[in-house]
C-alpha atoms as a PDB file:
ATOM      1  CA  UNK A   1     -32.683  28.413  75.613  1.00  0.00           C
ATOM      2  CA  UNK A   2     -28.680  27.615  74.848  1.00  0.00           C
ATOM      3  CA  UNK A   3     -26.304  29.889  75.743  1.00  0.00           C
ATOM      4  CA  UNK A   4     -24.743  32.068  73.316  1.00  0.00           C
ATOM      5  CA  UNK A   5     -22.047  34.119  73.523  1.00  0.00           C
ATOM      6  CA  UNK A   6     -22.382  37.580  72.904  1.00  0.00           C
ATOM      7  CA  UNK A   7     -19.433  40.124  71.976  1.00  0.00           C
ATOM      8  CA  UNK A   8     -18.894  42.830  74.619  1.00  0.00           C
ATOM      9  CA  UNK A   9     -20.080  46.239  73.429  1.00  0.00           C
ATOM     10  CA  UNK A  10     -20.944  49.421  75.483  1.00  0.00           C
ATOM     11  CA  UNK A  11     -24.461  50.948  75.090  1.00  0.00           C
ATOM     12  CA  UNK A  12     -24.953  53.348  72.514  1.00  0.00           C
ATOM     13  CA  UNK A  13     -27.685  54.987  74.189  1.00  0.00           C
ATOM     14  CA  UNK A  14     -28.644  55.724  77.776  1.00  0.00           C
ATOM     15  CA  UNK A  15     -30.132  52.975  79.578  1.00  0.00           C
ATOM     16  CA  UNK A  16     -33.572  55.221  79.978  1.00  0.00           C
ATOM     17  CA  UNK A  17     -34.030  55.240  76.325  1.00  0.00           C
ATOM     18  CA  UNK A  18     -33.786  51.297  76.373  1.00  0.00           C
ATOM     19  CA  UNK A  19     -36.343  51.168  79.239  1.00  0.00           C
ATOM     20  CA  UNK A  20     -38.639  53.385  77.337  1.00  0.00           C
ATOM     21  CA  UNK A  21     -38.806  51.155  74.393  1.00  0.00           C
ATOM     22  CA  UNK A  22     -39.183  48.038  76.657  1.00  0.00           C
ATOM     23  CA  UNK A  23     -42.004  49.658  78.578  1.00  0.00           C
ATOM     24  CA  UNK A  24     -43.725  51.138  75.444  1.00  0.00           C
ATOM     25  CA  UNK A  25     -43.832  47.484  73.667  1.00  0.00           C
ATOM     26  CA  UNK A  26     -43.859  44.962  76.492  1.00  0.00           C
ATOM     27  CA  UNK A  27     -46.116  46.924  79.071  1.00  0.00           C
ATOM     28  CA  UNK A  28     -49.326  45.125  77.606  1.00  0.00           C
ATOM     29  CA  UNK A  29     -48.476  41.459  78.459  1.00  0.00           C
ATOM     30  CA  UNK A  30     -49.307  40.076  81.749  1.00  0.00           C
ATOM     31  CA  UNK A  31     -45.750  39.010  82.249  1.00  0.00           C
ATOM     32  CA  UNK A  32     -44.510  42.534  82.277  1.00  0.00           C
ATOM     33  CA  UNK A  33     -45.134  42.702  86.029  1.00  0.00           C
ATOM     34  CA  UNK A  34     -42.101  41.022  86.536  1.00  0.00           C
ATOM     35  CA  UNK A  35     -39.852  43.166  84.666  1.00  0.00           C
ATOM     36  CA  UNK A  36     -41.699  46.484  85.683  1.00  0.00           C
ATOM     37  CA  UNK A  37     -39.637  47.311  89.110  1.00  0.00           C
ATOM     38  CA  UNK A  38     -36.233  47.152  86.879  1.00  0.00           C
ATOM     39  CA  UNK A  39     -37.589  48.870  83.928  1.00  0.00           C
ATOM     40  CA  UNK A  40     -39.154  51.704  85.937  1.00  0.00           C
ATOM     41  CA  UNK A  41     -35.632  52.025  87.622  1.00  0.00           C
ATOM     42  CA  UNK A  42     -33.926  52.245  84.602  1.00  0.00           C
ATOM     43  CA  UNK A  43     -36.393  54.854  83.402  1.00  0.00           C
ATOM     44  CA  UNK A  44     -34.706  57.207  86.013  1.00  0.00           C
ATOM     45  CA  UNK A  45     -31.005  56.352  84.631  1.00  0.00           C
ATOM     46  CA  UNK A  46     -29.565  58.888  82.191  1.00  0.00           C
ATOM     47  CA  UNK A  47     -26.105  56.884  81.549  1.00  0.00           C
ATOM     48  CA  UNK A  48     -24.707  54.484  79.583  1.00  0.00           C
ATOM     49  CA  UNK A  49     -22.339  53.299  82.170  1.00  0.00           C
ATOM     50  CA  UNK A  50     -23.394  50.163  83.666  1.00  0.00           C
ATOM     51  CA  UNK A  51     -20.932  50.645  86.601  1.00  0.00           C
ATOM     52  CA  UNK A  52     -22.880  53.861  87.709  1.00  0.00           C
ATOM     53  CA  UNK A  53     -25.222  52.984  90.754  1.00  0.00           C
ATOM     54  CA  UNK A  54     -28.804  53.267  91.382  1.00  0.00           C
ATOM     55  CA  UNK A  55     -29.374  53.401  94.907  1.00  0.00           C
ATOM     56  CA  UNK A  56     -26.974  50.825  95.881  1.00  0.00           C
ATOM     57  CA  UNK A  57     -26.997  48.864  92.969  1.00  0.00           C
ATOM     58  CA  UNK A  58     -24.760  48.777  90.167  1.00  0.00           C
ATOM     59  CA  UNK A  59     -27.028  49.418  86.882  1.00  0.00           C
ATOM     60  CA  UNK A  60     -25.454  46.334  85.440  1.00  0.00           C
ATOM     61  CA  UNK A  61     -27.306  44.475  87.965  1.00  0.00           C
ATOM     62  CA  UNK A  62     -30.415  45.918  87.279  1.00  0.00           C
ATOM     63  CA  UNK A  63     -29.871  45.338  83.564  1.00  0.00           C
ATOM     64  CA  UNK A  64     -29.400  41.717  84.458  1.00  0.00           C
ATOM     65  CA  UNK A  65     -32.472  41.529  86.690  1.00  0.00           C
ATOM     66  CA  UNK A  66     -34.196  43.074  83.579  1.00  0.00           C
ATOM     67  CA  UNK A  67     -33.029  40.479  81.185  1.00  0.00           C
ATOM     68  CA  UNK A  68     -33.994  37.690  83.479  1.00  0.00           C
ATOM     69  CA  UNK A  69     -37.938  39.052  83.647  1.00  0.00           C
ATOM     70  CA  UNK A  70     -38.226  39.705  79.823  1.00  0.00           C
ATOM     71  CA  UNK A  71     -37.747  36.088  78.966  1.00  0.00           C
ATOM     72  CA  UNK A  72     -41.303  36.347  77.630  1.00  0.00           C
ATOM     73  CA  UNK A  73     -40.987  39.237  75.718  1.00  0.00           C
ATOM     74  CA  UNK A  74     -40.850  37.960  72.116  1.00  0.00           C
ATOM     75  CA  UNK A  75     -40.497  39.625  68.332  1.00  0.00           C
ATOM     76  CA  UNK A  76     -38.134  41.799  66.154  1.00  0.00           C
ATOM     77  CA  UNK A  77     -37.879  44.555  68.785  1.00  0.00           C
ATOM     78  CA  UNK A  78     -37.601  42.285  71.824  1.00  0.00           C
ATOM     79  CA  UNK A  79     -34.685  40.219  70.163  1.00  0.00           C
ATOM     80  CA  UNK A  80     -32.982  43.823  69.228  1.00  0.00           C
ATOM     81  CA  UNK A  81     -33.065  44.983  72.627  1.00  0.00           C
ATOM     82  CA  UNK A  82     -32.258  42.203  74.720  1.00  0.00           C
ATOM     83  CA  UNK A  83     -29.236  41.734  72.151  1.00  0.00           C
ATOM     84  CA  UNK A  84     -28.365  45.191  72.969  1.00  0.00           C
ATOM     85  CA  UNK A  85     -28.710  44.656  76.827  1.00  0.00           C
ATOM     86  CA  UNK A  86     -26.800  41.309  76.492  1.00  0.00           C
ATOM     87  CA  UNK A  87     -23.756  43.183  74.670  1.00  0.00           C
ATOM     88  CA  UNK A  88     -23.486  45.830  77.203  1.00  0.00           C
ATOM     89  CA  UNK A  89     -23.604  43.214  80.090  1.00  0.00           C
ATOM     90  CA  UNK A  90     -20.960  41.161  78.466  1.00  0.00           C
ATOM     91  CA  UNK A  91     -19.028  44.689  78.485  1.00  0.00           C
ATOM     92  CA  UNK A  92     -19.953  45.419  82.012  1.00  0.00           C
ATOM     93  CA  UNK A  93     -18.689  41.776  83.426  1.00  0.00           C
ATOM     94  CA  UNK A  94     -15.628  41.991  81.292  1.00  0.00           C
ATOM     95  CA  UNK A  95     -14.625  45.566  82.910  1.00  0.00           C
ATOM     96  CA  UNK A  96     -15.563  44.468  86.139  1.00  0.00           C
ATOM     97  CA  UNK A  97     -12.819  41.368  86.244  1.00  0.00           C
ATOM     98  CA  UNK A  98     -10.198  43.552  84.755  1.00  0.00           C
END
């Protein structure tokens, strides 16, 4: 898949809400096993700030790992959620470099 530039934008809803949507829509597929640990970690995160930490890892890195393992998730909802997470990651990376 070619690289697509995404405009940075912070999350409008907390990570737990995003994770609920991922788990609800993606859990029936065999490839969900790869994304499951990251989705379950994000279920515990009631924040929109990707700089906050879950255990010792920034939320932004958990989101990055989740996105990597969602590559087999397809459909309209998947496209919308992945775009939302990519925008949040772009915002996270931009603020981290500043």
